[in-house]
């Protein structure tokens, strides 16, 4: 792929279909993404770590428009109702009309919060996702489920709000801290673990290259994960069936994040641990053999991700309590995404809490 020739992946959602552009120098390529703007008002939502690096590249393309920016503090703890209200107030101060657009410049926290504000302002205005982290590029910017956290649970308030476009400039990954880069690989691995055995095998073969940030491997991994998720979203936008499988590891992971007050681990780290716990529960229920879980653990370990919960979050009863608030649950039924081995995830209803507690207790005893 040449510098001036980004890869374009189309997410087909009927009249709301949109492009995902993956390449270099895309933030500066305002001619490309500005064509997706429909009005005169633009609010850039970013954070105080990303803005000094990339904000000027974006604002340089907004000449002639009425624009402003809003900056969050960095971190998951700021994806809350208070900051959501502040973004809405920023839209009001801008005078944003129904054809306004929000540009989400940052990682998953920025994308989720900015997207939710766009979904709610005047019952829905445009958003263009400009992810600057690997995790946001391969997961949260495509879909797109937006939302904010509450003290009692992660992403309990939100909306599905498709973007006008996704601008994934891989040059932003060069400034990504090592830990956050590795956290993004959890979502790449998850996509392979739930539905693509060939991709999983490819990841095993290229794990060292990915861990070392070799560009050819990164581009291939991002493109394959985006294509996979785009296909799932196209078939099940509102998560009535197949799309729920994308939450493999998330029920455990969200509980870990909540117990840790959204500061003990990064989201990708929680998902990595959550996938291992879901695999262990699958073994406990007789659905899967240990060999695939061991392969998963080895791959996660090779790319620098944790496979066991931190001691500070090892409170099985508390974790189980937060898992009861999971969005996949229905009245009277505890639903989890489990697997029958690599590439074969499924929705399982009526999982007994005693079985979940047993798996959590064993994992915490080994932590």
Protein backbone atom coordinates (compact mmCIF):
# COMPACT_ATOMS: atom_id res chain seq x y z
CA UNK A 1 0.00 0.00 0.00
CA UNK A 2 1.46 3.37 -1.06
CA UNK A 3 1.44 6.44 1.21
CA UNK A 4 -1.12 8.19 -0.97
CA UNK A 5 -3.30 5.13 -1.54
CA UNK A 6 -5.17 4.17 1.61
CA UNK A 7 -7.04 0.93 1.86
CA UNK A 8 -10.79 1.51 1.78
CA UNK A 9 -13.08 -0.95 3.54
CA UNK A 10 -16.79 -0.37 3.03
CA UNK A 11 -19.18 -1.07 5.89
CA UNK A 12 -22.52 -1.76 4.22
CA UNK A 13 -25.48 -0.54 6.27
CA UNK A 14 -27.97 0.32 3.54
CA UNK A 15 -28.36 4.08 3.23
CA UNK A 16 -25.98 4.50 6.15
CA UNK A 17 -23.05 2.68 4.58
CA UNK A 18 -19.70 4.33 5.17
CA UNK A 19 -16.01 3.97 4.33
CA UNK A 20 -13.19 2.99 6.66
CA UNK A 21 -9.95 4.49 5.36
CA UNK A 22 -6.78 2.79 6.57
CA UNK A 23 -3.38 4.25 5.73
CA UNK A 24 -0.84 7.00 6.36
CA UNK A 25 -1.22 10.80 6.37
CA UNK A 26 -5.01 10.51 6.53
CA UNK A 27 -5.58 13.12 9.21
CA UNK A 28 -3.97 15.70 6.91
CA UNK A 29 -5.98 14.44 3.93
CA UNK A 30 -8.88 16.80 4.64
CA UNK A 31 -10.06 16.71 1.03
CA UNK A 32 -11.00 13.08 1.59
CA UNK A 33 -12.81 13.29 4.94
CA UNK A 34 -14.18 16.82 4.58
CA UNK A 35 -16.32 15.57 1.69
CA UNK A 36 -18.26 13.58 4.31
CA UNK A 37 -19.30 16.77 6.17
CA UNK A 38 -22.83 17.96 5.40
CA UNK A 39 -23.04 21.24 7.31
CA UNK A 40 -21.03 24.18 8.61
CA UNK A 41 -20.64 23.25 12.29
CA UNK A 42 -17.90 20.91 13.52
CA UNK A 43 -16.96 20.00 17.09
CA UNK A 44 -13.73 18.09 17.57
CA UNK A 45 -13.72 15.93 20.71
CA UNK A 46 -10.29 14.78 21.81
CA UNK A 47 -8.23 14.47 25.00
CA UNK A 48 -5.32 16.35 26.48
CA UNK A 49 -2.79 13.71 25.51
CA UNK A 50 -3.84 13.29 21.87
CA UNK A 51 -4.66 16.93 21.04
CA UNK A 52 -1.09 18.28 21.25
CA UNK A 53 -0.01 15.61 18.78
CA UNK A 54 -2.75 15.68 16.15
CA UNK A 55 -5.32 18.45 16.70
CA UNK A 56 -3.61 20.97 14.39
CA UNK A 57 -3.53 18.42 11.55
CA UNK A 58 -7.32 18.20 11.72
CA UNK A 59 -8.14 21.87 12.30
CA UNK A 60 -6.01 22.79 9.28
CA UNK A 61 -8.69 21.18 7.16
CA UNK A 62 -11.62 23.09 8.64
CA UNK A 63 -11.10 26.52 7.08
CA UNK A 64 -14.35 28.26 6.23
CA UNK A 65 -16.35 26.25 8.76
CA UNK A 66 -17.63 27.12 12.23
CA UNK A 67 -15.69 24.84 14.51
CA UNK A 68 -14.41 24.40 18.02
CA UNK A 69 -12.87 21.65 20.11
CA UNK A 70 -13.54 20.01 23.45
CA UNK A 71 -10.79 18.20 25.37
CA UNK A 72 -11.26 15.42 27.90
CA UNK A 73 -8.76 14.32 30.48
CA UNK A 74 -7.22 11.00 29.47
CA UNK A 75 -8.62 7.73 30.82
CA UNK A 76 -11.69 5.51 31.13
CA UNK A 77 -12.80 7.21 34.34
CA UNK A 78 -13.75 10.30 32.30
CA UNK A 79 -16.27 8.47 30.12
CA UNK A 80 -19.13 9.51 32.37
CA UNK A 81 -22.35 11.51 32.56
CA UNK A 82 -20.60 14.69 33.66
CA UNK A 83 -18.31 14.78 30.62
CA UNK A 84 -21.19 13.79 28.34
CA UNK A 85 -23.09 16.86 29.54
CA UNK A 86 -20.05 19.04 28.92
CA UNK A 87 -19.81 17.84 25.32
CA UNK A 88 -23.49 18.67 24.81
CA UNK A 89 -22.90 22.12 26.24
CA UNK A 90 -19.99 22.57 23.82
CA UNK A 91 -22.32 21.70 20.93
CA UNK A 92 -24.84 24.22 22.23
CA UNK A 93 -22.19 26.94 22.53
CA UNK A 94 -21.11 26.21 18.96
CA UNK A 95 -24.73 26.56 17.80
CA UNK A 96 -24.57 23.13 16.21
CA UNK A 97 -27.50 22.46 13.88
CA UNK A 98 -28.99 19.19 12.65
CA UNK A 99 -26.37 18.92 9.89
CA UNK A 100 -23.42 19.45 12.26
CA UNK A 101 -20.68 16.85 12.72
CA UNK A 102 -18.62 15.66 15.67
CA UNK A 103 -15.05 14.58 14.92
CA UNK A 104 -13.89 11.98 17.47
CA UNK A 105 -10.10 12.30 17.58
CA UNK A 106 -8.67 9.81 20.05
CA UNK A 107 -9.04 6.34 21.45
CA UNK A 108 -12.06 4.32 22.51
CA UNK A 109 -13.06 6.61 25.37
CA UNK A 110 -13.18 9.64 23.06
CA UNK A 111 -14.95 7.69 20.33
CA UNK A 112 -17.59 6.28 22.67
CA UNK A 113 -18.33 9.59 24.41
CA UNK A 114 -18.24 11.73 21.27
CA UNK A 115 -20.36 9.23 19.37
CA UNK A 116 -22.96 9.11 22.13
CA UNK A 117 -23.13 12.91 22.29
CA UNK A 118 -23.63 12.98 18.50
CA UNK A 119 -26.36 10.35 18.78
CA UNK A 120 -28.21 12.45 21.35
CA UNK A 121 -27.76 16.03 20.09
CA UNK A 122 -30.98 17.01 18.32
CA UNK A 123 -31.81 13.28 18.21
CA UNK A 124 -28.77 12.50 16.14
CA UNK A 125 -26.09 14.34 14.18
CA UNK A 126 -23.13 13.04 12.20
CA UNK A 127 -19.91 11.73 13.69
CA UNK A 128 -16.64 10.91 11.96
CA UNK A 129 -14.40 8.60 13.92
CA UNK A 130 -10.67 9.40 13.83
CA UNK A 131 -9.20 6.64 16.02
CA UNK A 132 -5.65 7.14 17.26
CA UNK A 133 -5.22 3.84 19.12
CA UNK A 134 -5.04 0.30 17.80
CA UNK A 135 -7.96 -0.73 20.00
CA UNK A 136 -10.20 2.01 18.59
CA UNK A 137 -9.15 1.29 15.00
CA UNK A 138 -10.04 -2.39 15.11
CA UNK A 139 -13.07 -2.25 17.38
CA UNK A 140 -14.83 0.76 18.86
CA UNK A 141 -14.73 3.01 15.78
CA UNK A 142 -16.48 0.42 13.59
CA UNK A 143 -20.00 -0.61 14.45
CA UNK A 144 -20.59 1.63 16.20
CA UNK A 145 -21.79 1.17 19.75
CA UNK A 146 -21.41 4.38 21.71
CA UNK A 147 -21.85 4.92 25.41
CA UNK A 148 -20.68 6.01 28.81
CA UNK A 149 -19.97 4.30 32.11
CA UNK A 150 -21.81 4.42 35.41
CA UNK A 151 -20.30 3.57 38.80
CA UNK A 152 -22.33 0.34 38.78
CA UNK A 153 -21.25 -0.83 35.34
CA UNK A 154 -19.48 -0.16 32.06
CA UNK A 155 -21.30 1.13 28.96
CA UNK A 156 -24.74 0.81 30.56
CA UNK A 157 -25.90 4.05 28.91
CA UNK A 158 -25.47 4.36 25.18
CA UNK A 159 -26.77 4.10 21.63
CA UNK A 160 -25.90 2.50 18.30
CA UNK A 161 -24.86 5.38 16.06
CA UNK A 162 -23.08 4.71 12.79
CA UNK A 163 -20.35 7.15 11.72
CA UNK A 164 -20.17 8.99 8.42
CA UNK A 165 -16.64 7.67 7.99
CA UNK A 166 -13.71 6.18 9.89
CA UNK A 167 -10.28 7.75 9.34
CA UNK A 168 -7.67 5.29 10.64
CA UNK A 169 -4.26 6.93 10.26
CA UNK A 170 -1.72 4.31 11.30
CA UNK A 171 0.95 6.95 11.85
CA UNK A 172 -0.78 7.73 15.13
CA UNK A 173 0.26 4.30 16.39
CA UNK A 174 3.90 5.42 16.46
CA UNK A 175 3.17 7.64 19.48
CA UNK A 176 1.07 5.02 21.27
CA UNK A 177 2.61 3.82 24.57
CA UNK A 178 3.71 0.20 24.56
CA UNK A 179 1.05 -0.93 27.02
CA UNK A 180 -1.80 0.65 25.06
CA UNK A 181 -0.54 -0.82 21.80
CA UNK A 182 -0.51 -4.31 23.30
CA UNK A 183 -4.00 -3.74 24.73
CA UNK A 184 -5.28 -3.11 21.22
CA UNK A 185 -4.05 -6.52 20.09
CA UNK A 186 -6.58 -8.13 22.45
CA UNK A 187 -9.44 -7.10 20.18
CA UNK A 188 -7.57 -8.35 17.11
CA UNK A 189 -7.09 -11.74 18.77
CA UNK A 190 -10.70 -11.81 19.92
CA UNK A 191 -11.98 -11.51 16.36
CA UNK A 192 -9.95 -14.53 15.32
CA UNK A 193 -10.81 -16.50 18.46
CA UNK A 194 -14.56 -16.27 17.93
CA UNK A 195 -14.91 -16.82 14.21
CA UNK A 196 -11.79 -17.22 12.07
CA UNK A 197 -9.47 -20.15 12.72
CA UNK A 198 -7.29 -19.24 9.74
CA UNK A 199 -6.75 -15.73 11.08
CA UNK A 200 -5.91 -17.16 14.51
CA UNK A 201 -3.25 -19.38 12.97
CA UNK A 202 -1.90 -16.34 11.06
CA UNK A 203 -1.71 -14.39 14.32
CA UNK A 204 0.22 -17.19 15.98
CA UNK A 205 2.72 -17.15 13.10
CA UNK A 206 3.08 -13.35 13.21
CA UNK A 207 2.80 -12.77 16.96
CA UNK A 208 6.42 -11.65 17.33
CA UNK A 209 6.13 -9.26 14.38
CA UNK A 210 2.97 -7.76 15.87
CA UNK A 211 4.57 -7.42 19.30
CA UNK A 212 7.47 -5.57 17.67
CA UNK A 213 5.11 -3.27 15.70
CA UNK A 214 6.25 -4.35 12.25
CA UNK A 215 4.10 -2.31 9.90
CA UNK A 216 3.27 -5.01 7.37
CA UNK A 217 1.89 -7.22 10.12
CA UNK A 218 -0.02 -4.37 11.77
CA UNK A 219 -1.71 -3.36 8.51
CA UNK A 220 -2.73 -6.91 7.70
CA UNK A 221 -4.06 -7.54 11.21
CA UNK A 222 -6.06 -4.29 11.30
CA UNK A 223 -7.55 -4.85 7.84
CA UNK A 224 -8.58 -8.46 8.58
CA UNK A 225 -10.15 -7.53 11.91
CA UNK A 226 -12.07 -4.58 10.42
CA UNK A 227 -13.37 -6.70 7.54
CA UNK A 228 -14.50 -9.38 9.95
CA UNK A 229 -16.32 -6.94 12.24
CA UNK A 230 -17.84 -5.03 9.32
CA UNK A 231 -19.34 -8.27 8.04
CA UNK A 232 -20.84 -9.11 11.41
CA UNK A 233 -22.27 -5.61 11.90
CA UNK A 234 -23.77 -5.68 8.43
CA UNK A 235 -25.62 -8.89 9.23
CA UNK A 236 -26.67 -7.93 12.77
CA UNK A 237 -26.47 -4.18 13.44
CA UNK A 238 -28.54 -4.11 16.63
CA UNK A 239 -26.98 -7.18 18.27
CA UNK A 240 -29.95 -9.52 18.09
CA UNK A 241 -27.83 -12.59 17.41
CA UNK A 242 -24.44 -12.98 15.73
CA UNK A 243 -23.06 -9.60 16.81
CA UNK A 244 -23.39 -10.59 20.46
CA UNK A 245 -20.51 -13.03 19.90
CA UNK A 246 -18.20 -10.02 19.56
CA UNK A 247 -18.59 -9.70 23.34
CA UNK A 248 -16.49 -12.82 23.95
CA UNK A 249 -14.55 -12.04 27.13
CA UNK A 250 -16.40 -8.77 27.72
CA UNK A 251 -18.78 -9.88 30.45
CA UNK A 252 -15.85 -10.96 32.62
CA UNK A 253 -13.71 -8.07 31.39
CA UNK A 254 -16.27 -5.35 32.12
CA UNK A 255 -16.78 -6.74 35.62
CA UNK A 256 -13.01 -6.62 36.19
CA UNK A 257 -12.88 -3.03 34.98
CA UNK A 258 -15.76 -2.02 37.24
CA UNK A 259 -14.28 -3.68 40.32
CA UNK A 260 -11.02 -1.91 39.49
CA UNK A 261 -12.86 1.45 39.27
CA UNK A 262 -11.87 1.73 35.58
CA UNK A 263 -8.25 2.37 36.54
CA UNK A 264 -6.71 -1.00 37.49
CA UNK A 265 -6.28 -2.15 33.88
CA UNK A 266 -6.81 -1.05 30.31
CA UNK A 267 -9.89 -2.23 28.45
CA UNK A 268 -7.89 -4.50 26.16
CA UNK A 269 -6.12 -6.06 29.13
CA UNK A 270 -9.49 -6.76 30.75
CA UNK A 271 -10.77 -8.32 27.51
CA UNK A 272 -7.69 -10.56 27.31
CA UNK A 273 -8.25 -11.83 30.83
CA UNK A 274 -11.98 -12.10 30.17
CA UNK A 275 -11.41 -14.30 27.12
CA UNK A 276 -9.31 -16.69 29.17
CA UNK A 277 -11.97 -16.80 31.88
CA UNK A 278 -14.68 -17.46 29.27
CA UNK A 279 -12.54 -20.28 27.85
CA UNK A 280 -12.07 -21.72 31.33
CA UNK A 281 -15.81 -21.60 31.96
CA UNK A 282 -16.37 -23.35 28.63
CA UNK A 283 -14.03 -26.12 29.78
CA UNK A 284 -15.78 -26.31 33.14
CA UNK A 285 -19.11 -26.79 31.37
CA UNK A 286 -17.70 -29.50 29.09
CA UNK A 287 -17.98 -27.38 25.93
CA UNK A 288 -14.27 -27.14 25.08
CA UNK A 289 -10.96 -28.85 25.65
CA UNK A 290 -8.00 -27.20 27.42
CA UNK A 291 -5.77 -27.23 24.34
CA UNK A 292 -7.45 -24.27 22.62
CA UNK A 293 -7.46 -22.22 25.80
CA UNK A 294 -3.73 -22.91 26.17
CA UNK A 295 -3.13 -21.70 22.60
CA UNK A 296 -5.11 -18.55 23.39
CA UNK A 297 -3.09 -17.92 26.55
CA UNK A 298 0.19 -18.44 24.69
CA UNK A 299 -0.78 -15.99 21.94
CA UNK A 300 -1.92 -13.37 24.43
CA UNK A 301 1.28 -13.79 26.42
CA UNK A 302 3.48 -13.51 23.31
CA UNK A 303 1.98 -10.13 22.38
CA UNK A 304 2.37 -8.82 25.91
CA UNK A 305 -1.09 -9.24 27.38
CA UNK A 306 -2.12 -10.56 30.82
CA UNK A 307 -4.00 -13.86 31.11
CA UNK A 308 -4.98 -13.79 34.81
CA UNK A 309 -6.88 -11.20 36.86
CA UNK A 310 -4.81 -8.87 39.05
CA UNK A 311 -4.99 -9.57 42.77
CA UNK A 312 -6.57 -6.16 43.38
CA UNK A 313 -9.64 -7.21 41.36
CA UNK A 314 -9.92 -10.77 42.68
CA UNK A 315 -13.23 -10.56 44.51
CA UNK A 316 -15.37 -13.37 43.01
CA UNK A 317 -18.64 -12.39 44.71
CA UNK A 318 -18.26 -8.75 43.68
CA UNK A 319 -17.32 -9.70 40.12
CA UNK A 320 -20.37 -11.95 39.88
CA UNK A 321 -22.61 -9.15 41.15
CA UNK A 322 -21.43 -6.82 38.39
CA UNK A 323 -21.83 -9.59 35.81
CA UNK A 324 -25.54 -9.69 36.68
CA UNK A 325 -25.85 -6.22 35.09
CA UNK A 326 -24.41 -7.37 31.77
CA UNK A 327 -26.38 -6.04 28.78
CA UNK A 328 -26.66 -9.48 27.18
CA UNK A 329 -28.74 -10.83 30.05
CA UNK A 330 -32.48 -11.11 29.62
CA UNK A 331 -35.23 -11.50 32.20
CA UNK A 332 -34.47 -14.63 34.17
CA UNK A 333 -31.57 -15.75 31.97
CA UNK A 334 -27.83 -15.31 32.48
CA UNK A 335 -26.30 -15.17 28.99
CA UNK A 336 -22.60 -15.46 28.25
CA UNK A 337 -20.49 -15.73 25.13
CA UNK A 338 -18.55 -19.00 25.45
CA UNK A 339 -16.80 -21.21 22.90
CA UNK A 340 -16.31 -24.74 21.68
CA UNK A 341 -12.73 -23.98 20.74
CA UNK A 342 -10.93 -21.49 18.51
CA UNK A 343 -13.23 -20.01 15.91
CA UNK A 344 -16.44 -21.36 17.43
CA UNK A 345 -18.03 -18.92 19.90
CA UNK A 346 -21.72 -19.03 20.75
CA UNK A 347 -24.32 -17.46 23.01
CA UNK A 348 -25.11 -19.66 26.01
CA UNK A 349 -28.17 -18.96 28.16
CA UNK A 350 -28.97 -20.03 31.71
CA UNK A 351 -25.38 -20.40 32.86
CA UNK A 352 -25.54 -21.26 36.55
CA UNK A 353 -24.00 -18.67 38.85
CA UNK A 354 -22.37 -21.45 40.86
CA UNK A 355 -20.36 -22.44 37.79
CA UNK A 356 -19.30 -18.85 37.14
CA UNK A 357 -18.33 -18.40 40.79
CA UNK A 358 -16.28 -21.61 40.74
CA UNK A 359 -14.28 -20.45 37.71
CA UNK A 360 -13.72 -16.99 39.19
CA UNK A 361 -12.62 -18.45 42.52
CA UNK A 362 -10.11 -20.81 40.89
CA UNK A 363 -8.69 -18.05 38.72
CA UNK A 364 -8.32 -15.72 41.68
CA UNK A 365 -6.70 -18.44 43.79
CA UNK A 366 -4.04 -18.78 41.08
CA UNK A 367 -3.50 -15.03 40.64
